[in-house]
């Protein structure tokens, strides 16, 4: 496992060891079909500070977290960050393999990040709040289907 890398202009992020391992596997599994998505997630995983699962602060976005965020347009949303097989936008469950899902990963409440949408437009979001991490989230599916 590599040490985290400082990336100019991007906030520092924290990811638990279990999420880091599972997400690395997901990114590698989709690399042939979706190389840009895979590369984006792998870059975030590389720059993350990886800690023991129990050491991830409660205000940090991890898999299964409920996240309230605001975009640069002033729109506020609450979503749950999930593995690809659990994604359902109608229920507010967004995949970590989406640009916004990857951007949210590892951020703490109050942090802001720039991200690029699939249409190549630049956006900014700020995490307003992170809901309690559900106890069963670590047992969530980690399949790479979308």
N, C-alpha and C. Protein backbone atom coordinates (compact mmCIF):
# COMPACT_ATOMS: atom_id res chain seq x y z
N UNK A 1 0.84 -1.17 0.00
CA UNK A 1 0.00 0.00 0.00
C UNK A 1 0.89 1.25 0.00
N UNK A 2 0.56 2.16 -0.90
CA UNK A 2 1.36 3.38 -1.00
C UNK A 2 0.95 4.38 0.07
N UNK A 3 1.89 5.24 0.42
CA UNK A 3 1.56 6.33 1.33
C UNK A 3 0.78 7.37 0.56
N UNK A 4 0.02 8.18 1.27
CA UNK A 4 -0.79 9.17 0.59
C UNK A 4 0.09 10.24 -0.05
N UNK A 5 -0.44 10.80 -1.11
CA UNK A 5 0.29 11.78 -1.91
C UNK A 5 -0.41 13.13 -1.80
N UNK A 6 0.36 14.17 -1.53
CA UNK A 6 -0.21 15.53 -1.50
C UNK A 6 -0.50 15.95 -2.93
N UNK A 7 -1.72 16.40 -3.18
CA UNK A 7 -2.10 16.87 -4.50
C UNK A 7 -2.45 18.33 -4.40
N UNK A 8 -1.70 19.20 -5.08
CA UNK A 8 -1.99 20.64 -5.00
C UNK A 8 -3.43 20.94 -5.42
N UNK A 9 -4.09 21.75 -4.62
CA UNK A 9 -5.45 22.16 -4.95
C UNK A 9 -6.53 21.19 -4.52
N UNK A 10 -6.16 20.04 -4.01
CA UNK A 10 -7.16 19.09 -3.54
C UNK A 10 -7.04 18.95 -2.03
N UNK A 11 -8.18 18.86 -1.35
CA UNK A 11 -8.13 18.71 0.11
C UNK A 11 -7.62 17.32 0.49
N UNK A 12 -7.05 17.22 1.68
CA UNK A 12 -6.61 15.92 2.16
C UNK A 12 -7.83 15.05 2.45
N UNK A 13 -7.68 13.76 2.21
CA UNK A 13 -8.79 12.84 2.46
C UNK A 13 -8.31 11.67 3.30
N UNK A 14 -9.27 11.05 4.01
CA UNK A 14 -9.00 9.91 4.88
C UNK A 14 -9.90 8.77 4.45
N UNK A 15 -9.33 7.57 4.33
CA UNK A 15 -10.12 6.39 3.96
C UNK A 15 -9.71 5.25 4.89
N UNK A 16 -10.71 4.51 5.35
CA UNK A 16 -10.45 3.33 6.17
C UNK A 16 -9.82 2.22 5.34
N UNK A 17 -9.06 1.37 6.00
CA UNK A 17 -8.32 0.31 5.32
C UNK A 17 -9.25 -0.63 4.53
N UNK A 18 -10.37 -1.02 5.10
CA UNK A 18 -11.29 -1.94 4.41
C UNK A 18 -11.86 -1.30 3.16
N UNK A 19 -12.34 -0.06 3.28
CA UNK A 19 -12.85 0.65 2.10
C UNK A 19 -11.76 0.80 1.05
N UNK A 20 -10.56 1.14 1.48
CA UNK A 20 -9.44 1.33 0.55
C UNK A 20 -9.19 0.06 -0.25
N UNK A 21 -9.14 -1.07 0.42
CA UNK A 21 -8.88 -2.35 -0.25
C UNK A 21 -10.01 -2.70 -1.21
N UNK A 22 -11.24 -2.58 -0.76
CA UNK A 22 -12.39 -2.92 -1.60
C UNK A 22 -12.49 -1.99 -2.81
N UNK A 23 -12.27 -0.71 -2.59
CA UNK A 23 -12.37 0.25 -3.69
C UNK A 23 -11.24 0.07 -4.69
N UNK A 24 -10.07 -0.30 -4.22
CA UNK A 24 -8.96 -0.59 -5.13
C UNK A 24 -9.35 -1.76 -6.04
N UNK A 25 -9.96 -2.79 -5.47
CA UNK A 25 -10.41 -3.95 -6.24
C UNK A 25 -11.49 -3.56 -7.25
N UNK A 26 -12.43 -2.71 -6.84
CA UNK A 26 -13.49 -2.25 -7.74
C UNK A 26 -12.87 -1.48 -8.90
N UNK A 27 -11.96 -0.56 -8.60
CA UNK A 27 -11.33 0.25 -9.65
C UNK A 27 -10.58 -0.64 -10.64
N UNK A 28 -9.87 -1.63 -10.15
CA UNK A 28 -9.13 -2.52 -11.04
C UNK A 28 -10.08 -3.38 -11.87
N UNK A 29 -11.21 -3.77 -11.29
CA UNK A 29 -12.18 -4.61 -11.99
C UNK A 29 -12.83 -3.88 -13.18
N UNK A 30 -12.96 -2.56 -13.09
CA UNK A 30 -13.61 -1.81 -14.19
C UNK A 30 -12.60 -1.14 -15.11
N UNK A 31 -11.32 -1.35 -14.87
CA UNK A 31 -10.27 -0.64 -15.63
C UNK A 31 -10.36 -0.87 -17.13
N UNK A 32 -10.67 -2.08 -17.57
CA UNK A 32 -10.74 -2.35 -19.01
C UNK A 32 -11.94 -1.68 -19.67
N UNK A 33 -13.09 -1.70 -18.99
CA UNK A 33 -14.31 -1.13 -19.57
C UNK A 33 -14.41 0.37 -19.39
N UNK A 34 -13.93 0.87 -18.25
CA UNK A 34 -14.07 2.30 -17.93
C UNK A 34 -12.75 2.85 -17.42
N UNK A 35 -11.75 2.98 -18.28
CA UNK A 35 -10.41 3.38 -17.81
C UNK A 35 -10.37 4.75 -17.14
N UNK A 36 -11.12 5.72 -17.62
CA UNK A 36 -11.08 7.05 -17.01
C UNK A 36 -11.67 7.02 -15.60
N UNK A 37 -12.75 6.29 -15.43
CA UNK A 37 -13.39 6.18 -14.11
C UNK A 37 -12.45 5.45 -13.15
N UNK A 38 -11.89 4.37 -13.63
CA UNK A 38 -10.95 3.59 -12.82
C UNK A 38 -9.75 4.45 -12.40
N UNK A 39 -9.18 5.16 -13.37
CA UNK A 39 -8.01 6.01 -13.07
C UNK A 39 -8.34 7.08 -12.05
N UNK A 40 -9.52 7.70 -12.18
CA UNK A 40 -9.92 8.74 -11.23
C UNK A 40 -10.03 8.22 -9.81
N UNK A 41 -10.64 7.04 -9.66
CA UNK A 41 -10.77 6.45 -8.33
C UNK A 41 -9.41 6.03 -7.79
N UNK A 42 -8.58 5.42 -8.65
CA UNK A 42 -7.25 5.01 -8.19
C UNK A 42 -6.40 6.19 -7.75
N UNK A 43 -6.52 7.33 -8.44
CA UNK A 43 -5.79 8.54 -8.03
C UNK A 43 -6.24 9.01 -6.65
N UNK A 44 -7.55 8.99 -6.40
CA UNK A 44 -8.05 9.39 -5.08
C UNK A 44 -7.56 8.42 -4.01
N UNK A 45 -7.57 7.14 -4.30
CA UNK A 45 -7.11 6.15 -3.33
C UNK A 45 -5.62 6.32 -3.04
N UNK A 46 -4.86 6.67 -4.06
CA UNK A 46 -3.42 6.85 -3.88
C UNK A 46 -3.10 8.06 -3.00
N UNK A 47 -3.89 9.12 -3.14
CA UNK A 47 -3.59 10.33 -2.37
C UNK A 47 -4.21 10.32 -0.97
N UNK A 48 -5.02 9.32 -0.68
CA UNK A 48 -5.69 9.24 0.62
C UNK A 48 -4.74 8.83 1.73
N UNK A 49 -5.04 9.31 2.92
CA UNK A 49 -4.37 8.82 4.12
C UNK A 49 -5.20 7.63 4.58
N UNK A 50 -4.62 6.44 4.56
CA UNK A 50 -5.33 5.21 4.92
C UNK A 50 -5.12 4.94 6.40
N UNK A 51 -6.24 4.75 7.11
CA UNK A 51 -6.20 4.52 8.55
C UNK A 51 -7.03 3.27 8.88
N UNK A 52 -6.85 2.77 10.09
CA UNK A 52 -7.68 1.66 10.56
C UNK A 52 -9.15 2.09 10.50
N UNK A 53 -10.02 1.16 10.15
CA UNK A 53 -11.44 1.49 10.00
C UNK A 53 -12.00 2.24 11.21
N UNK A 54 -11.62 1.81 12.38
CA UNK A 54 -12.12 2.41 13.61
C UNK A 54 -11.60 3.84 13.81
N UNK A 55 -10.53 4.19 13.11
CA UNK A 55 -9.92 5.51 13.25
C UNK A 55 -10.45 6.55 12.27
N UNK A 56 -11.36 6.15 11.37
CA UNK A 56 -11.94 7.12 10.45
C UNK A 56 -12.87 8.03 11.26
N UNK A 57 -12.62 9.34 11.25
CA UNK A 57 -13.47 10.24 12.01
C UNK A 57 -14.94 10.17 11.56
N UNK A 58 -15.85 10.40 12.48
CA UNK A 58 -17.28 10.30 12.19
C UNK A 58 -17.74 11.31 11.14
N UNK A 59 -17.00 12.41 10.98
CA UNK A 59 -17.42 13.45 10.03
C UNK A 59 -16.79 13.28 8.65
N UNK A 60 -16.25 12.09 8.36
CA UNK A 60 -15.60 11.80 7.07
C UNK A 60 -16.49 10.88 6.25
N UNK A 61 -16.60 11.19 4.95
CA UNK A 61 -17.40 10.39 4.03
C UNK A 61 -16.70 9.07 3.75
N UNK A 62 -17.40 7.99 4.04
CA UNK A 62 -16.91 6.65 3.73
C UNK A 62 -18.02 5.87 3.06
N UNK A 63 -17.75 4.69 2.61
CA UNK A 63 -18.77 3.91 1.95
C UNK A 63 -19.93 3.66 2.91
N UNK A 64 -21.15 3.93 2.42
CA UNK A 64 -22.35 3.78 3.23
C UNK A 64 -22.74 5.03 3.99
N UNK A 65 -21.91 6.07 3.92
CA UNK A 65 -22.23 7.32 4.63
C UNK A 65 -23.35 8.07 3.92
N UNK A 66 -24.16 8.72 4.72
CA UNK A 66 -25.13 9.68 4.22
C UNK A 66 -24.43 11.03 4.24
N UNK A 67 -24.48 11.74 3.10
CA UNK A 67 -23.72 12.98 2.95
C UNK A 67 -24.62 14.11 2.48
N UNK A 68 -24.57 15.22 3.18
CA UNK A 68 -25.25 16.42 2.70
C UNK A 68 -24.17 17.34 2.14
N UNK A 69 -24.37 17.78 0.89
CA UNK A 69 -23.40 18.65 0.25
C UNK A 69 -24.10 19.75 -0.52
N UNK A 70 -23.33 20.79 -0.80
CA UNK A 70 -23.84 21.92 -1.57
C UNK A 70 -22.91 22.13 -2.76
N UNK A 71 -23.49 22.40 -3.92
CA UNK A 71 -22.68 22.64 -5.12
C UNK A 71 -22.44 24.13 -5.30
N UNK A 72 -21.57 24.45 -6.25
CA UNK A 72 -21.26 25.84 -6.55
C UNK A 72 -22.47 26.61 -7.09
N UNK A 73 -23.52 25.89 -7.48
CA UNK A 73 -24.74 26.56 -7.95
C UNK A 73 -25.70 26.83 -6.80
N UNK A 74 -25.33 26.40 -5.59
CA UNK A 74 -26.17 26.64 -4.42
C UNK A 74 -27.15 25.52 -4.13
N UNK A 75 -27.16 24.48 -4.96
CA UNK A 75 -28.05 23.35 -4.73
C UNK A 75 -27.50 22.47 -3.61
N UNK A 76 -28.37 22.10 -2.68
CA UNK A 76 -27.97 21.20 -1.60
C UNK A 76 -28.66 19.86 -1.82
N UNK A 77 -27.94 18.78 -1.58
CA UNK A 77 -28.48 17.42 -1.75
C UNK A 77 -27.98 16.56 -0.62
N UNK A 78 -28.73 15.52 -0.33
CA UNK A 78 -28.29 14.49 0.59
C UNK A 78 -28.30 13.17 -0.16
N UNK A 79 -27.17 12.47 -0.14
CA UNK A 79 -27.03 11.20 -0.84
C UNK A 79 -26.33 10.20 0.06
N UNK A 80 -26.37 8.95 -0.35
CA UNK A 80 -25.61 7.90 0.33
C UNK A 80 -24.59 7.37 -0.66
N UNK A 81 -23.33 7.30 -0.25
CA UNK A 81 -22.25 6.81 -1.11
C UNK A 81 -22.20 5.29 -1.02
N UNK A 82 -22.34 4.61 -2.18
CA UNK A 82 -22.44 3.16 -2.19
C UNK A 82 -21.53 2.53 -3.25
N UNK A 83 -21.37 1.22 -3.14
CA UNK A 83 -20.67 0.47 -4.17
C UNK A 83 -21.56 0.40 -5.41
N UNK A 84 -20.98 0.19 -6.59
CA UNK A 84 -21.75 0.25 -7.83
C UNK A 84 -23.01 -0.62 -7.85
N UNK A 85 -22.95 -1.82 -7.35
CA UNK A 85 -24.10 -2.71 -7.38
C UNK A 85 -25.26 -2.26 -6.52
N UNK A 86 -25.03 -1.33 -5.61
CA UNK A 86 -26.07 -0.83 -4.71
C UNK A 86 -26.63 0.52 -5.14
N UNK A 87 -26.09 1.08 -6.23
CA UNK A 87 -26.49 2.43 -6.66
C UNK A 87 -27.94 2.45 -7.13
N UNK A 88 -28.65 3.49 -6.74
CA UNK A 88 -30.03 3.73 -7.17
C UNK A 88 -30.30 5.22 -6.98
N UNK A 89 -30.16 5.98 -8.04
CA UNK A 89 -30.29 7.43 -7.95
C UNK A 89 -31.67 7.85 -7.44
N UNK A 90 -32.71 7.06 -7.74
CA UNK A 90 -34.06 7.41 -7.27
C UNK A 90 -34.16 7.33 -5.75
N UNK A 91 -33.26 6.56 -5.13
CA UNK A 91 -33.22 6.46 -3.66
C UNK A 91 -32.09 7.31 -3.07
N UNK A 92 -31.41 8.08 -3.91
CA UNK A 92 -30.32 8.92 -3.43
C UNK A 92 -29.05 8.15 -3.14
N UNK A 93 -28.92 6.95 -3.69
CA UNK A 93 -27.73 6.13 -3.50
C UNK A 93 -26.84 6.29 -4.72
N UNK A 94 -25.70 6.98 -4.54
CA UNK A 94 -24.82 7.22 -5.69
C UNK A 94 -23.57 6.36 -5.61
N UNK A 95 -23.19 5.85 -6.76
CA UNK A 95 -22.02 4.98 -6.86
C UNK A 95 -20.73 5.77 -6.69
N UNK A 96 -19.79 5.14 -6.05
CA UNK A 96 -18.46 5.71 -5.91
C UNK A 96 -17.78 5.82 -7.28
N UNK A 97 -18.30 5.12 -8.28
CA UNK A 97 -17.73 5.18 -9.63
C UNK A 97 -18.28 6.35 -10.45
N UNK A 98 -19.14 7.16 -9.88
CA UNK A 98 -19.57 8.38 -10.57
C UNK A 98 -18.58 9.49 -10.21
N UNK A 99 -18.45 10.50 -11.06
CA UNK A 99 -17.52 11.59 -10.73
C UNK A 99 -17.80 12.23 -9.36
N UNK A 100 -19.07 12.45 -9.05
CA UNK A 100 -19.39 13.09 -7.77
C UNK A 100 -19.15 12.12 -6.61
N UNK A 101 -19.40 10.83 -6.82
CA UNK A 101 -19.15 9.83 -5.79
C UNK A 101 -17.67 9.75 -5.45
N UNK A 102 -16.84 9.73 -6.50
CA UNK A 102 -15.39 9.71 -6.28
C UNK A 102 -14.93 10.98 -5.58
N UNK A 103 -15.52 12.12 -5.96
CA UNK A 103 -15.13 13.40 -5.35
C UNK A 103 -15.47 13.43 -3.86
N UNK A 104 -16.60 12.86 -3.48
CA UNK A 104 -17.03 12.89 -2.07
C UNK A 104 -16.19 11.99 -1.16
N UNK A 105 -15.66 10.92 -1.71
CA UNK A 105 -14.95 9.91 -0.92
C UNK A 105 -13.84 10.51 -0.07
N UNK A 106 -13.90 10.28 1.24
CA UNK A 106 -12.83 10.67 2.15
C UNK A 106 -12.85 12.11 2.62
N UNK A 107 -13.79 12.91 2.10
CA UNK A 107 -13.88 14.32 2.54
C UNK A 107 -14.52 14.40 3.92
N UNK A 108 -14.15 15.41 4.66
CA UNK A 108 -14.75 15.69 5.96
C UNK A 108 -15.73 16.84 5.82
N UNK A 109 -16.69 16.93 6.73
CA UNK A 109 -17.63 18.04 6.74
C UNK A 109 -16.85 19.35 6.75
N UNK A 110 -17.25 20.27 5.88
CA UNK A 110 -16.59 21.56 5.78
C UNK A 110 -15.57 21.65 4.64
N UNK A 111 -15.15 20.50 4.11
CA UNK A 111 -14.18 20.51 3.03
C UNK A 111 -14.86 20.75 1.68
N UNK A 112 -14.12 21.38 0.78
CA UNK A 112 -14.59 21.68 -0.57
C UNK A 112 -13.63 21.05 -1.57
N UNK A 113 -14.19 20.56 -2.69
CA UNK A 113 -13.37 19.96 -3.73
C UNK A 113 -13.91 20.36 -5.10
N UNK A 114 -13.00 20.53 -6.06
CA UNK A 114 -13.37 20.73 -7.45
C UNK A 114 -13.45 19.35 -8.09
N UNK A 115 -14.45 19.17 -8.96
CA UNK A 115 -14.57 17.89 -9.65
C UNK A 115 -15.08 18.14 -11.06
N UNK A 116 -14.81 17.18 -11.94
CA UNK A 116 -15.19 17.30 -13.34
C UNK A 116 -16.31 16.32 -13.63
N UNK A 117 -17.41 16.83 -14.17
CA UNK A 117 -18.55 15.99 -14.52
C UNK A 117 -18.24 15.21 -15.79
N UNK A 118 -19.11 14.28 -16.12
CA UNK A 118 -18.90 13.46 -17.32
C UNK A 118 -18.91 14.29 -18.60
N UNK A 119 -19.55 15.47 -18.55
CA UNK A 119 -19.58 16.34 -19.73
C UNK A 119 -18.38 17.29 -19.75
N UNK A 120 -17.39 17.03 -18.90
CA UNK A 120 -16.14 17.79 -18.79
C UNK A 120 -16.31 19.19 -18.19
N UNK A 121 -17.49 19.50 -17.65
CA UNK A 121 -17.66 20.79 -16.97
C UNK A 121 -17.10 20.69 -15.56
N UNK A 122 -16.47 21.78 -15.13
CA UNK A 122 -15.88 21.85 -13.79
C UNK A 122 -16.95 22.29 -12.78
N UNK A 123 -16.94 21.65 -11.63
CA UNK A 123 -17.86 21.97 -10.54
C UNK A 123 -17.11 22.01 -9.23
N UNK A 124 -17.78 22.54 -8.23
CA UNK A 124 -17.22 22.59 -6.88
C UNK A 124 -18.33 22.13 -5.94
N UNK A 125 -17.96 21.36 -4.93
CA UNK A 125 -18.93 20.98 -3.91
C UNK A 125 -18.30 21.11 -2.54
N UNK A 126 -19.15 21.36 -1.57
CA UNK A 126 -18.73 21.47 -0.18
C UNK A 126 -19.56 20.49 0.64
N UNK A 127 -18.91 19.67 1.43
CA UNK A 127 -19.61 18.74 2.31
C UNK A 127 -20.12 19.54 3.50
N UNK A 128 -21.44 19.49 3.70
CA UNK A 128 -22.06 20.21 4.81
C UNK A 128 -22.15 19.34 6.06
N UNK A 129 -22.49 18.07 5.86
CA UNK A 129 -22.64 17.16 7.00
C UNK A 129 -22.48 15.73 6.53
N UNK A 130 -22.02 14.88 7.44
CA UNK A 130 -21.87 13.46 7.17
C UNK A 130 -22.69 12.72 8.22
N UNK A 131 -23.64 11.91 7.74
CA UNK A 131 -24.48 11.16 8.65
C UNK A 131 -23.74 9.98 9.24
N UNK A 132 -24.31 9.44 10.29
CA UNK A 132 -23.69 8.31 10.98
C UNK A 132 -23.49 7.16 10.00
N UNK A 133 -22.32 6.57 10.07
CA UNK A 133 -21.97 5.44 9.21
C UNK A 133 -22.76 4.22 9.68
N UNK A 134 -23.55 3.60 8.79
CA UNK A 134 -24.33 2.43 9.21
C UNK A 134 -23.42 1.25 9.57
N UNK A 135 -23.79 0.53 10.60
CA UNK A 135 -22.96 -0.58 11.09
C UNK A 135 -22.74 -1.65 10.05
N UNK A 136 -23.71 -1.92 9.19
CA UNK A 136 -23.59 -3.00 8.21
C UNK A 136 -22.92 -2.59 6.92
N UNK A 137 -22.51 -1.37 6.79
CA UNK A 137 -21.99 -0.89 5.51
C UNK A 137 -20.72 -1.60 5.09
N UNK A 138 -19.91 -2.03 6.04
CA UNK A 138 -18.67 -2.72 5.67
C UNK A 138 -18.94 -4.08 5.06
N UNK A 139 -20.14 -4.63 5.26
CA UNK A 139 -20.47 -5.91 4.67
C UNK A 139 -21.20 -5.73 3.35
N UNK A 140 -21.35 -4.48 2.91
CA UNK A 140 -22.03 -4.20 1.65
C UNK A 140 -21.32 -4.87 0.49
N UNK A 141 -22.08 -5.13 -0.56
CA UNK A 141 -21.48 -5.72 -1.75
C UNK A 141 -20.40 -4.82 -2.28
N UNK A 142 -19.36 -5.42 -2.85
CA UNK A 142 -18.30 -4.62 -3.42
C UNK A 142 -18.10 -4.97 -4.88
N UNK A 143 -19.13 -5.53 -5.50
CA UNK A 143 -19.03 -5.90 -6.90
C UNK A 143 -18.85 -4.69 -7.78
N UNK A 144 -18.31 -4.90 -8.95
CA UNK A 144 -17.98 -3.79 -9.84
C UNK A 144 -19.01 -3.60 -10.94
N UNK A 145 -20.20 -4.11 -10.74
CA UNK A 145 -21.21 -3.89 -11.76
C UNK A 145 -21.81 -2.52 -11.60
N UNK A 146 -22.26 -1.95 -12.69
CA UNK A 146 -22.84 -0.61 -12.57
C UNK A 146 -24.30 -0.59 -12.88
